[in-house]
Amino acid sequence: MNDLNSTAVALFIFNRPDLTARVFESIRAAKPRHLLVIADGPRRSHPEEERLCKEARAIASTPDWPCELVLNFSDENLGCKRRLSSGLDWVFQSFPEAIILEDDCVPSASFFRFCSELLDHYRNDTRIMHISGDNFQDGRKRGTSSYYFSKYPHTWGWATWKRAWAYYDVTMASWPAANRDNWLRSILDDPREADYWGGIFENLHAGQINTWDYQWVYACWRQGGLSILPNENLVTNIGAGPDATHLKEGHSTINLPAHELRDCRHPDSIAVDRDADRYTFENHIAGRVVPRHLQWLHRVKRMIADPILR
């Protein structure tokens, strides 16, 4: 695989200095030439966070290797949705491509080389919008190459280009029209999957979910963009727990071990692995308990689809 070369690494941090330290050590070993650190500010309702945020910022702002360090620290608390989306906008104002990590995503050494090589390999291929370090296939290999293609842009350690991020809209302004046109039913084979994601996108557009990443799924799907997923999991998410924003203990993809890829073997063709995507939906998406904030919407959709339930 290629060395990291000049690829920028963007690290998003908040109030967890212990986790930040573990992720920063992985970045330190990779020695990127450009390190961007984006931090959210403390919440006024949590007085202890001012100290924790300062500690996390101090850890992430002290590279001991030659690199360009660029900081984007917010004085106020923007929250997950605004901080991640605005931070990524800021990253791609200055760099044409970047590797992105959050403070609870610990990558293997080969994650950086994997992302860097594929950013270069697919730089001008507009079919590809996303490169991930995540594999949720529970040991199943998809083909004989180092990676496969998916419709799912997993974001626990990932990379993309400015050309792809240009389609991102945190407000999802085009969703009402897409929903009226039954767009999801036209791109997803499984009606259950269309209903599931329709519920999420509806709640996002209504401002009922404080996140940024589902909007990225929407942007990729609207463009027909493909994601690259490695055949070995390269990133361990260690962020579940009582202080986590979204993830709690017991999540099916938490604490998966991160492996190494010795080389990068490219597939002979570019096509979504439908079996892999079906496995992801059945075992790690639909297999989870429906979040409480979506339960009412799922009930309404079932009633509309089946008059017997009314």
C-alpha atoms as a PDB file:
ATOM      1  CA  MET A   1       0.000   0.000   0.000  1.00  0.00           C
ATOM      2  CA  ASN A   2       0.975   3.644  -0.445  1.00  0.00           C
ATOM      3  CA  ASP A   3       2.263   5.761   2.406  1.00  0.00           C
ATOM      4  CA  LEU A   4      -0.022   8.435   3.821  1.00  0.00           C
ATOM      5  CA  ASN A   5       1.771  11.069   1.720  1.00  0.00           C
ATOM      6  CA  SER A   6      -0.006  14.438   1.763  1.00  0.00           C
ATOM      7  CA  THR A   7      -3.524  13.236   2.605  1.00  0.00           C
ATOM      8  CA  ALA A   8      -5.109  15.383   5.318  1.00  0.00           C
ATOM      9  CA  VAL A   9      -6.441  13.719   8.460  1.00  0.00           C
ATOM     10  CA  ALA A  10      -9.362  15.440  10.206  1.00  0.00           C
ATOM     11  CA  LEU A  11     -10.014  14.549  13.855  1.00  0.00           C
ATOM     12  CA  PHE A  12     -13.298  15.506  15.547  1.00  0.00           C
ATOM     13  CA  ILE A  13     -13.215  15.764  19.347  1.00  0.00           C
ATOM     14  CA  PHE A  14     -15.423  16.924  22.190  1.00  0.00           C
ATOM     15  CA  ASN A  15     -15.301  16.068  25.888  1.00  0.00           C
ATOM     16  CA  ARG A  16     -13.603  12.666  26.156  1.00  0.00           C
ATOM     17  CA  PRO A  17      -9.850  13.158  26.654  1.00  0.00           C
ATOM     18  CA  ASP A  18      -9.267   9.479  27.457  1.00  0.00           C
ATOM     19  CA  LEU A  19     -10.722   8.339  24.131  1.00  0.00           C
ATOM     20  CA  THR A  20      -9.112  11.219  22.267  1.00  0.00           C
ATOM     21  CA  ALA A  21      -5.715  10.078  23.537  1.00  0.00           C
ATOM     22  CA  ARG A  22      -6.192   6.576  22.116  1.00  0.00           C
ATOM     23  CA  VAL A  23      -7.229   7.840  18.690  1.00  0.00           C
ATOM     24  CA  PHE A  24      -4.474  10.466  18.655  1.00  0.00           C
ATOM     25  CA  GLU A  25      -1.838   7.777  19.287  1.00  0.00           C
ATOM     26  CA  SER A  26      -2.995   5.999  16.116  1.00  0.00           C
ATOM     27  CA  ILE A  27      -2.743   9.235  14.157  1.00  0.00           C
ATOM     28  CA  ARG A  28       0.667   9.935  15.697  1.00  0.00           C
ATOM     29  CA  ALA A  29       1.939   6.571  14.429  1.00  0.00           C
ATOM     30  CA  ALA A  30       0.717   7.405  10.900  1.00  0.00           C
ATOM     31  CA  LYS A  31       2.366  10.876  10.944  1.00  0.00           C
ATOM     32  CA  PRO A  32       0.118  12.687   8.449  1.00  0.00           C
ATOM     33  CA  ARG A  33       1.549  15.847   6.912  1.00  0.00           C
ATOM     34  CA  HIS A  34      -1.692  17.738   7.527  1.00  0.00           C
ATOM     35  CA  LEU A  35      -3.670  17.359  10.763  1.00  0.00           C
ATOM     36  CA  LEU A  36      -6.973  19.180  11.200  1.00  0.00           C
ATOM     37  CA  VAL A  37      -8.585  19.131  14.653  1.00  0.00           C
ATOM     38  CA  ILE A  38     -12.221  20.163  14.964  1.00  0.00           C
ATOM     39  CA  ALA A  39     -13.672  20.532  18.464  1.00  0.00           C
ATOM     40  CA  ASP A  40     -17.124  21.255  19.833  1.00  0.00           C
ATOM     41  CA  GLY A  41     -17.544  23.566  22.813  1.00  0.00           C
ATOM     42  CA  PRO A  42     -18.770  22.641  26.302  1.00  0.00           C
ATOM     43  CA  ARG A  43     -22.446  22.630  27.179  1.00  0.00           C
ATOM     44  CA  ARG A  44     -23.468  25.277  29.691  1.00  0.00           C
ATOM     45  CA  SER A  45     -25.615  22.737  31.527  1.00  0.00           C
ATOM     46  CA  HIS A  46     -22.530  20.553  32.142  1.00  0.00           C
ATOM     47  CA  PRO A  47     -20.019  22.665  34.117  1.00  0.00           C
ATOM     48  CA  GLU A  48     -17.423  19.867  34.198  1.00  0.00           C
ATOM     49  CA  GLU A  49     -17.187  19.856  30.404  1.00  0.00           C
ATOM     50  CA  GLU A  50     -15.068  23.005  30.175  1.00  0.00           C
ATOM     51  CA  ARG A  51     -12.200  21.147  31.818  1.00  0.00           C
ATOM     52  CA  LEU A  52     -12.756  17.963  29.799  1.00  0.00           C
ATOM     53  CA  CYS A  53     -12.911  19.850  26.514  1.00  0.00           C
ATOM     54  CA  LYS A  54      -9.682  21.685  27.329  1.00  0.00           C
ATOM     55  CA  GLU A  55      -7.946  18.404  28.149  1.00  0.00           C
ATOM     56  CA  ALA A  56      -9.098  16.786  24.904  1.00  0.00           C
ATOM     57  CA  ARG A  57      -7.972  19.821  22.890  1.00  0.00           C
ATOM     58  CA  ALA A  58      -4.552  19.827  24.546  1.00  0.00           C
ATOM     59  CA  ILE A  59      -4.029  16.155  23.676  1.00  0.00           C
ATOM     60  CA  ALA A  60      -5.012  16.570  20.023  1.00  0.00           C
ATOM     61  CA  SER A  61      -3.063  19.808  19.504  1.00  0.00           C
ATOM     62  CA  THR A  62       0.450  18.579  20.299  1.00  0.00           C
ATOM     63  CA  PRO A  63       1.828  16.634  17.330  1.00  0.00           C
ATOM     64  CA  ASP A  64       5.501  15.729  17.794  1.00  0.00           C
ATOM     65  CA  TRP A  65       6.150  15.012  14.124  1.00  0.00           C
ATOM     66  CA  PRO A  66       6.551  17.485  11.239  1.00  0.00           C
ATOM     67  CA  CYS A  67       3.063  18.439  10.121  1.00  0.00           C
ATOM     68  CA  GLU A  68       0.751  21.339   9.404  1.00  0.00           C
ATOM     69  CA  LEU A  69      -1.634  21.623  12.363  1.00  0.00           C
ATOM     70  CA  VAL A  70      -4.880  23.507  11.724  1.00  0.00           C
ATOM     71  CA  LEU A  71      -7.423  24.010  14.514  1.00  0.00           C
ATOM     72  CA  ASN A  72     -11.140  24.742  14.381  1.00  0.00           C
ATOM     73  CA  PHE A  73     -12.387  25.070  17.971  1.00  0.00           C
ATOM     74  CA  SER A  74     -15.912  26.224  18.773  1.00  0.00           C
ATOM     75  CA  ASP A  75     -16.442  28.361  21.862  1.00  0.00           C
ATOM     76  CA  GLU A  76     -20.092  27.358  22.049  1.00  0.00           C
ATOM     77  CA  ASN A  77     -21.663  23.927  21.945  1.00  0.00           C
ATOM     78  CA  LEU A  78     -22.995  23.279  18.451  1.00  0.00           C
ATOM     79  CA  GLY A  79     -24.093  19.691  18.994  1.00  0.00           C
ATOM     80  CA  CYS A  80     -23.451  16.654  16.837  1.00  0.00           C
ATOM     81  CA  LYS A  81     -25.427  17.809  13.805  1.00  0.00           C
ATOM     82  CA  ARG A  82     -24.025  21.333  13.493  1.00  0.00           C
ATOM     83  CA  ARG A  83     -20.458  20.648  14.672  1.00  0.00           C
ATOM     84  CA  LEU A  84     -19.765  17.664  12.391  1.00  0.00           C
ATOM     85  CA  SER A  85     -21.466  19.140   9.327  1.00  0.00           C
ATOM     86  CA  SER A  86     -19.890  22.590   9.693  1.00  0.00           C
ATOM     87  CA  GLY A  87     -16.524  21.049  10.501  1.00  0.00           C
ATOM     88  CA  LEU A  88     -16.577  18.898   7.384  1.00  0.00           C
ATOM     89  CA  ASP A  89     -17.609  21.903   5.293  1.00  0.00           C
ATOM     90  CA  TRP A  90     -14.565  23.689   6.710  1.00  0.00           C
ATOM     91  CA  VAL A  91     -12.246  20.748   5.942  1.00  0.00           C
ATOM     92  CA  PHE A  92     -13.263  20.636   2.293  1.00  0.00           C
ATOM     93  CA  GLN A  93     -12.917  24.378   1.852  1.00  0.00           C
ATOM     94  CA  SER A  94      -9.155  23.844   2.136  1.00  0.00           C
ATOM     95  CA  PHE A  95      -8.480  20.266   1.053  1.00  0.00           C
ATOM     96  CA  PRO A  96      -9.641  18.275  -1.982  1.00  0.00           C
ATOM     97  CA  GLU A  97      -9.818  15.032   0.013  1.00  0.00           C
ATOM     98  CA  ALA A  98      -9.478  13.923   3.614  1.00  0.00           C
ATOM     99  CA  ILE A  99      -9.483  11.008   6.039  1.00  0.00           C
ATOM    100  CA  ILE A 100     -11.972  11.556   8.866  1.00  0.00           C
ATOM    101  CA  LEU A 101     -11.943  10.161  12.414  1.00  0.00           C
ATOM    102  CA  GLU A 102     -14.004  10.886  15.493  1.00  0.00           C
ATOM    103  CA  ASP A 103     -12.667  10.683  19.032  1.00  0.00           C
ATOM    104  CA  ASP A 104     -14.056   7.186  19.642  1.00  0.00           C
ATOM    105  CA  CYS A 105     -12.885   5.474  16.443  1.00  0.00           C
ATOM    106  CA  VAL A 106      -9.504   3.751  16.831  1.00  0.00           C
ATOM    107  CA  PRO A 107      -8.020   2.723  13.469  1.00  0.00           C
ATOM    108  CA  SER A 108      -5.465   0.069  12.640  1.00  0.00           C
ATOM    109  CA  ALA A 109      -2.228   1.191  11.006  1.00  0.00           C
ATOM    110  CA  SER A 110      -3.310   0.017   7.557  1.00  0.00           C
ATOM    111  CA  PHE A 111      -6.525   2.069   7.710  1.00  0.00           C
ATOM    112  CA  PHE A 112      -4.606   5.213   6.764  1.00  0.00           C
ATOM    113  CA  ARG A 113      -2.766   3.558   3.878  1.00  0.00           C
ATOM    114  CA  PHE A 114      -5.991   1.921   2.688  1.00  0.00           C
ATOM    115  CA  CYS A 115      -7.830   5.250   2.584  1.00  0.00           C
ATOM    116  CA  SER A 116      -4.904   7.122   1.045  1.00  0.00           C
ATOM    117  CA  GLU A 117      -4.423   4.592  -1.751  1.00  0.00           C
ATOM    118  CA  LEU A 118      -8.117   4.454  -2.628  1.00  0.00           C
ATOM    119  CA  LEU A 119      -8.509   8.228  -2.497  1.00  0.00           C
ATOM    120  CA  ASP A 120      -5.831   8.321  -5.162  1.00  0.00           C
ATOM    121  CA  HIS A 121      -7.159   5.335  -7.151  1.00  0.00           C
ATOM    122  CA  TYR A 122     -10.752   6.635  -7.417  1.00  0.00           C
ATOM    123  CA  ARG A 123     -10.047  10.372  -7.307  1.00  0.00           C
ATOM    124  CA  ASN A 124     -11.669  11.027 -10.684  1.00  0.00           C
ATOM    125  CA  ASP A 125     -14.279   8.250 -10.611  1.00  0.00           C
ATOM    126  CA  THR A 126     -17.489  10.042  -9.691  1.00  0.00           C
ATOM    127  CA  ARG A 127     -19.280   6.735  -9.125  1.00  0.00           C
ATOM    128  CA  ILE A 128     -17.364   6.363  -5.862  1.00  0.00           C
ATOM    129  CA  MET A 129     -18.324   8.820  -3.102  1.00  0.00           C
ATOM    130  CA  HIS A 130     -17.103   7.193   0.097  1.00  0.00           C
ATOM    131  CA  ILE A 131     -14.305   5.005   1.507  1.00  0.00           C
ATOM    132  CA  SER A 132     -14.865   3.353   4.879  1.00  0.00           C
ATOM    133  CA  GLY A 133     -12.666   1.488   7.315  1.00  0.00           C
ATOM    134  CA  ASP A 134     -15.624  -0.476   8.685  1.00  0.00           C
ATOM    135  CA  ASN A 135     -16.661  -4.049   7.990  1.00  0.00           C
ATOM    136  CA  PHE A 136     -19.818  -5.403   9.632  1.00  0.00           C
ATOM    137  CA  GLN A 137     -19.962  -8.779   7.860  1.00  0.00           C
ATOM    138  CA  ASP A 138     -19.052 -10.781  10.977  1.00  0.00           C
ATOM    139  CA  GLY A 139     -16.174 -12.617   9.331  1.00  0.00           C
ATOM    140  CA  ARG A 140     -17.808 -13.189   5.937  1.00  0.00           C
ATOM    141  CA  LYS A 141     -15.554 -12.387   2.973  1.00  0.00           C
ATOM    142  CA  ARG A 142     -17.128 -10.681  -0.032  1.00  0.00           C
ATOM    143  CA  GLY A 143     -15.103 -11.705  -3.050  1.00  0.00           C
ATOM    144  CA  THR A 144     -11.348 -12.210  -3.190  1.00  0.00           C
ATOM    145  CA  SER A 145     -10.292  -8.559  -3.257  1.00  0.00           C
ATOM    146  CA  SER A 146      -9.331  -6.309  -0.351  1.00  0.00           C
ATOM    147  CA  TYR A 147     -12.652  -4.480  -0.498  1.00  0.00           C
ATOM    148  CA  TYR A 148     -16.119  -4.561  -2.002  1.00  0.00           C
ATOM    149  CA  PHE A 149     -18.695  -1.980  -3.063  1.00  0.00           C
ATOM    150  CA  SER A 150     -21.765  -1.116  -1.018  1.00  0.00           C
ATOM    151  CA  LYS A 151     -24.580   1.386  -0.872  1.00  0.00           C
ATOM    152  CA  TYR A 152     -23.865   1.944   2.836  1.00  0.00           C
ATOM    153  CA  PRO A 153     -21.367   4.737   3.680  1.00  0.00           C
ATOM    154  CA  HIS A 154     -20.281   3.662   7.171  1.00  0.00           C
ATOM    155  CA  THR A 155     -18.640   6.564   9.008  1.00  0.00           C
ATOM    156  CA  TRP A 156     -16.619   5.129  11.899  1.00  0.00           C
ATOM    157  CA  GLY A 157     -13.359   6.032  10.197  1.00  0.00           C
ATOM    158  CA  TRP A 158     -13.779   7.058   6.577  1.00  0.00           C
ATOM    159  CA  ALA A 159     -12.571   9.232   3.725  1.00  0.00           C
ATOM    160  CA  THR A 160     -14.013  11.183   0.831  1.00  0.00           C
ATOM    161  CA  TRP A 161     -13.363  13.916  -1.697  1.00  0.00           C
ATOM    162  CA  LYS A 162     -14.501  17.514  -1.926  1.00  0.00           C
ATOM    163  CA  ARG A 163     -16.222  16.577  -5.209  1.00  0.00           C
ATOM    164  CA  ALA A 164     -18.471  14.137  -3.304  1.00  0.00           C
ATOM    165  CA  TRP A 165     -19.021  16.275  -0.193  1.00  0.00           C
ATOM    166  CA  ALA A 166     -20.347  19.044  -2.474  1.00  0.00           C
ATOM    167  CA  TYR A 167     -23.648  17.115  -2.633  1.00  0.00           C
ATOM    168  CA  TYR A 168     -24.119  17.123   1.139  1.00  0.00           C
ATOM    169  CA  ASP A 169     -27.010  19.185   2.515  1.00  0.00           C
ATOM    170  CA  VAL A 170     -27.527  18.972   6.263  1.00  0.00           C
ATOM    171  CA  THR A 171     -31.117  20.261   5.851  1.00  0.00           C
ATOM    172  CA  MET A 172     -32.041  17.645   3.215  1.00  0.00           C
ATOM    173  CA  ALA A 173     -34.036  20.287   1.336  1.00  0.00           C
ATOM    174  CA  SER A 174     -34.840  17.899  -1.525  1.00  0.00           C
ATOM    175  CA  TRP A 175     -36.384  15.238   0.712  1.00  0.00           C
ATOM    176  CA  PRO A 176     -40.075  16.309   0.522  1.00  0.00           C
ATOM    177  CA  ALA A 177     -40.062  16.097  -3.262  1.00  0.00           C
ATOM    178  CA  ALA A 178     -38.143  12.806  -3.212  1.00  0.00           C
ATOM    179  CA  ASN A 179     -40.605  11.408  -0.685  1.00  0.00           C
ATOM    180  CA  ARG A 180     -43.614  12.420  -2.786  1.00  0.00           C
ATOM    181  CA  ASP A 181     -42.051  10.664  -5.770  1.00  0.00           C
ATOM    182  CA  ASN A 182     -41.545   7.427  -3.761  1.00  0.00           C
ATOM    183  CA  TRP A 183     -37.876   7.718  -4.613  1.00  0.00           C
ATOM    184  CA  LEU A 184     -36.703   5.258  -1.949  1.00  0.00           C
ATOM    185  CA  ARG A 185     -38.964   2.527  -3.345  1.00  0.00           C
ATOM    186  CA  SER A 186     -37.292   3.050  -6.729  1.00  0.00           C
ATOM    187  CA  ILE A 187     -33.735   2.483  -5.441  1.00  0.00           C
ATOM    188  CA  LEU A 188     -34.236  -0.067  -2.631  1.00  0.00           C
ATOM    189  CA  ASP A 189     -35.351  -3.607  -3.424  1.00  0.00           C
ATOM    190  CA  ASP A 190     -36.805  -4.342   0.007  1.00  0.00           C
ATOM    191  CA  PRO A 191     -39.985  -2.393   0.942  1.00  0.00           C
ATOM    192  CA  ARG A 192     -39.063  -2.812   4.621  1.00  0.00           C
ATOM    193  CA  GLU A 193     -35.776  -1.084   3.993  1.00  0.00           C
ATOM    194  CA  ALA A 194     -37.504   1.733   2.119  1.00  0.00           C
ATOM    195  CA  ASP A 195     -39.897   2.194   5.052  1.00  0.00           C
ATOM    196  CA  TYR A 196     -37.074   2.117   7.565  1.00  0.00           C
ATOM    197  CA  TRP A 197     -34.995   4.778   5.820  1.00  0.00           C
ATOM    198  CA  GLY A 198     -38.067   6.779   4.902  1.00  0.00           C
ATOM    199  CA  GLY A 199     -38.837   7.081   8.602  1.00  0.00           C
ATOM    200  CA  ILE A 200     -35.326   8.233   9.396  1.00  0.00           C
ATOM    201  CA  PHE A 201     -35.182  10.770   6.562  1.00  0.00           C
ATOM    202  CA  GLU A 202     -38.610  12.147   7.493  1.00  0.00           C
ATOM    203  CA  ASN A 203     -37.501  12.675  11.088  1.00  0.00           C
ATOM    204  CA  LEU A 204     -34.226  14.232   9.984  1.00  0.00           C
ATOM    205  CA  HIS A 205     -35.965  16.710   7.730  1.00  0.00           C
ATOM    206  CA  ALA A 206     -38.368  17.563  10.549  1.00  0.00           C
ATOM    207  CA  GLY A 207     -35.417  18.314  12.857  1.00  0.00           C
ATOM    208  CA  GLN A 208     -36.246  15.522  15.284  1.00  0.00           C
ATOM    209  CA  ILE A 209     -32.851  13.782  15.128  1.00  0.00           C
ATOM    210  CA  ASN A 210     -29.673  15.655  16.103  1.00  0.00           C
ATOM    211  CA  THR A 211     -27.158  13.974  13.826  1.00  0.00           C
ATOM    212  CA  TRP A 212     -25.223  14.606  10.623  1.00  0.00           C
ATOM    213  CA  ASP A 213     -24.422  11.181   9.160  1.00  0.00           C
ATOM    214  CA  TYR A 214     -27.827  10.024   7.896  1.00  0.00           C
ATOM    215  CA  GLN A 215     -27.806  13.120   5.684  1.00  0.00           C
ATOM    216  CA  TRP A 216     -24.595  11.780   4.146  1.00  0.00           C
ATOM    217  CA  VAL A 217     -26.336   8.485   3.402  1.00  0.00           C
ATOM    218  CA  TYR A 218     -29.085  10.482   1.718  1.00  0.00           C
ATOM    219  CA  ALA A 219     -26.592  12.539  -0.321  1.00  0.00           C
ATOM    220  CA  CYS A 220     -24.761   9.444  -1.544  1.00  0.00           C
ATOM    221  CA  TRP A 221     -27.980   7.661  -2.486  1.00  0.00           C
ATOM    222  CA  ARG A 222     -29.414  10.680  -4.301  1.00  0.00           C
ATOM    223  CA  GLN A 223     -26.329  10.703  -6.508  1.00  0.00           C
ATOM    224  CA  GLY A 224     -26.278   6.943  -6.972  1.00  0.00           C
ATOM    225  CA  GLY A 225     -22.871   6.985  -5.292  1.00  0.00           C
ATOM    226  CA  LEU A 226     -21.067   3.847  -4.164  1.00  0.00           C
ATOM    227  CA  SER A 227     -19.118   3.208  -0.987  1.00  0.00           C
ATOM    228  CA  ILE A 228     -15.981   1.122  -0.556  1.00  0.00           C
ATOM    229  CA  LEU A 229     -15.895  -1.228   2.441  1.00  0.00           C
ATOM    230  CA  PRO A 230     -12.822  -3.289   3.369  1.00  0.00           C
ATOM    231  CA  ASN A 231     -12.966  -7.075   3.617  1.00  0.00           C
ATOM    232  CA  GLU A 232     -11.383  -6.754   7.072  1.00  0.00           C
ATOM    233  CA  ASN A 233     -12.613  -4.403   9.753  1.00  0.00           C
ATOM    234  CA  LEU A 234     -10.004  -1.647  10.155  1.00  0.00           C
ATOM    235  CA  VAL A 235     -11.563   0.545  12.869  1.00  0.00           C
ATOM    236  CA  THR A 236     -12.773  -0.203  16.396  1.00  0.00           C
ATOM    237  CA  ASN A 237     -15.512   2.015  17.819  1.00  0.00           C
ATOM    238  CA  ILE A 238     -14.894   2.327  21.567  1.00  0.00           C
ATOM    239  CA  GLY A 239     -17.451   5.060  22.198  1.00  0.00           C
ATOM    240  CA  ALA A 240     -20.443   3.228  23.675  1.00  0.00           C
ATOM    241  CA  GLY A 241     -21.329   3.971  27.259  1.00  0.00           C
ATOM    242  CA  PRO A 242     -23.355   6.255  29.521  1.00  0.00           C
ATOM    243  CA  ASP A 243     -21.670   9.415  28.183  1.00  0.00           C
ATOM    244  CA  ALA A 244     -22.114   8.508  24.512  1.00  0.00           C
ATOM    245  CA  THR A 245     -24.343  10.755  22.415  1.00  0.00           C
ATOM    246  CA  HIS A 246     -25.964   8.011  20.360  1.00  0.00           C
ATOM    247  CA  LEU A 247     -24.420   4.591  21.051  1.00  0.00           C
ATOM    248  CA  LYS A 248     -25.091   2.499  24.097  1.00  0.00           C
ATOM    249  CA  GLU A 249     -23.541  -0.743  25.324  1.00  0.00           C
ATOM    250  CA  GLY A 250     -24.626  -3.841  23.433  1.00  0.00           C
ATOM    251  CA  HIS A 251     -24.698  -2.230  19.995  1.00  0.00           C
ATOM    252  CA  SER A 252     -23.905  -4.972  17.461  1.00  0.00           C
ATOM    253  CA  THR A 253     -20.926  -3.170  15.901  1.00  0.00           C
ATOM    254  CA  ILE A 254     -19.217  -1.793  19.017  1.00  0.00           C
ATOM    255  CA  ASN A 255     -15.712  -2.914  20.001  1.00  0.00           C
ATOM    256  CA  LEU A 256     -15.153  -5.026  16.894  1.00  0.00           C
ATOM    257  CA  PRO A 257     -11.409  -5.759  16.634  1.00  0.00           C
ATOM    258  CA  ALA A 258      -9.457  -3.812  14.021  1.00  0.00           C
ATOM    259  CA  HIS A 259      -7.291  -5.844  11.660  1.00  0.00           C
ATOM    260  CA  GLU A 260      -4.514  -5.063   9.210  1.00  0.00           C
ATOM    261  CA  LEU A 261      -4.469  -5.312   5.412  1.00  0.00           C
ATOM    262  CA  ARG A 262      -1.072  -6.307   4.010  1.00  0.00           C
ATOM    263  CA  ASP A 263      -1.795  -5.065   0.501  1.00  0.00           C
ATOM    264  CA  CYS A 264      -4.650  -3.626  -1.523  1.00  0.00           C
ATOM    265  CA  ARG A 265      -6.121  -5.903  -4.204  1.00  0.00           C
ATOM    266  CA  HIS A 266      -8.661  -4.117  -6.375  1.00  0.00           C
ATOM    267  CA  PRO A 267     -11.847  -5.833  -7.646  1.00  0.00           C
ATOM    268  CA  ASP A 268     -12.137  -6.570 -11.351  1.00  0.00           C
ATOM    269  CA  SER A 269     -15.441  -4.695 -11.635  1.00  0.00           C
ATOM    270  CA  ILE A 270     -17.435  -2.002  -9.845  1.00  0.00           C
ATOM    271  CA  ALA A 271     -20.827  -3.197  -8.619  1.00  0.00           C
ATOM    272  CA  VAL A 272     -22.694  -3.237  -5.317  1.00  0.00           C
ATOM    273  CA  ASP A 273     -22.483  -6.511  -3.411  1.00  0.00           C
ATOM    274  CA  ARG A 274     -26.195  -6.989  -2.776  1.00  0.00           C
ATOM    275  CA  ASP A 275     -25.698 -10.015  -0.512  1.00  0.00           C
ATOM    276  CA  ALA A 276     -23.370  -8.032   1.746  1.00  0.00           C
ATOM    277  CA  ASP A 277     -25.775  -5.100   1.911  1.00  0.00           C
ATOM    278  CA  ARG A 278     -28.681  -7.407   2.656  1.00  0.00           C
ATOM    279  CA  TYR A 279     -26.680  -8.936   5.502  1.00  0.00           C
ATOM    280  CA  THR A 280     -25.900  -5.487   6.900  1.00  0.00           C
ATOM    281  CA  PHE A 281     -29.555  -4.475   6.843  1.00  0.00           C
ATOM    282  CA  GLU A 282     -30.895  -7.700   8.309  1.00  0.00           C
ATOM    283  CA  ASN A 283     -28.303  -8.090  11.060  1.00  0.00           C
ATOM    284  CA  HIS A 284     -27.145  -4.594  11.992  1.00  0.00           C
ATOM    285  CA  ILE A 285     -29.962  -2.263  10.948  1.00  0.00           C
ATOM    286  CA  ALA A 286     -33.346  -3.983  10.852  1.00  0.00           C
ATOM    287  CA  GLY A 287     -32.161  -6.405  13.521  1.00  0.00           C
ATOM    288  CA  ARG A 288     -31.849  -3.614  16.059  1.00  0.00           C
ATOM    289  CA  VAL A 289     -34.735  -2.439  18.183  1.00  0.00           C
ATOM    290  CA  VAL A 290     -36.572   0.435  16.485  1.00  0.00           C
ATOM    291  CA  PRO A 291     -35.638   3.661  18.309  1.00  0.00           C
ATOM    292  CA  ARG A 292     -38.454   5.140  20.364  1.00  0.00           C
ATOM    293  CA  HIS A 293     -38.544   8.354  18.314  1.00  0.00           C
ATOM    294  CA  LEU A 294     -39.285   6.286  15.176  1.00  0.00           C
ATOM    295  CA  GLN A 295     -41.822   3.857  16.622  1.00  0.00           C
ATOM    296  CA  TRP A 296     -44.844   6.087  15.982  1.00  0.00           C
ATOM    297  CA  LEU A 297     -43.795   6.710  12.395  1.00  0.00           C
ATOM    298  CA  HIS A 298     -43.320   3.022  11.686  1.00  0.00           C
ATOM    299  CA  ARG A 299     -46.818   2.369  13.093  1.00  0.00           C
ATOM    300  CA  VAL A 300     -48.345   5.056  10.861  1.00  0.00           C
ATOM    301  CA  LYS A 301     -46.561   3.710   7.785  1.00  0.00           C
ATOM    302  CA  ARG A 302     -47.800   0.182   8.504  1.00  0.00           C
ATOM    303  CA  MET A 303     -51.346   1.472   8.887  1.00  0.00           C
ATOM    304  CA  ILE A 304     -51.169   3.323   5.585  1.00  0.00           C
ATOM    305  CA  ALA A 305     -49.764   0.279   3.814  1.00  0.00           C
ATOM    306  CA  ASP A 306     -52.211  -2.214   5.377  1.00  0.00           C
ATOM    307  CA  PRO A 307     -55.828  -1.041   5.937  1.00  0.00           C
ATOM    308  CA  ILE A 308     -56.421  -4.036   8.250  1.00  0.00           C
ATOM    309  CA  LEU A 309     -54.236  -2.359  10.873  1.00  0.00           C
ATOM    310  CA  ARG A 310     -56.336   0.798  10.941  1.00  0.00           C
END
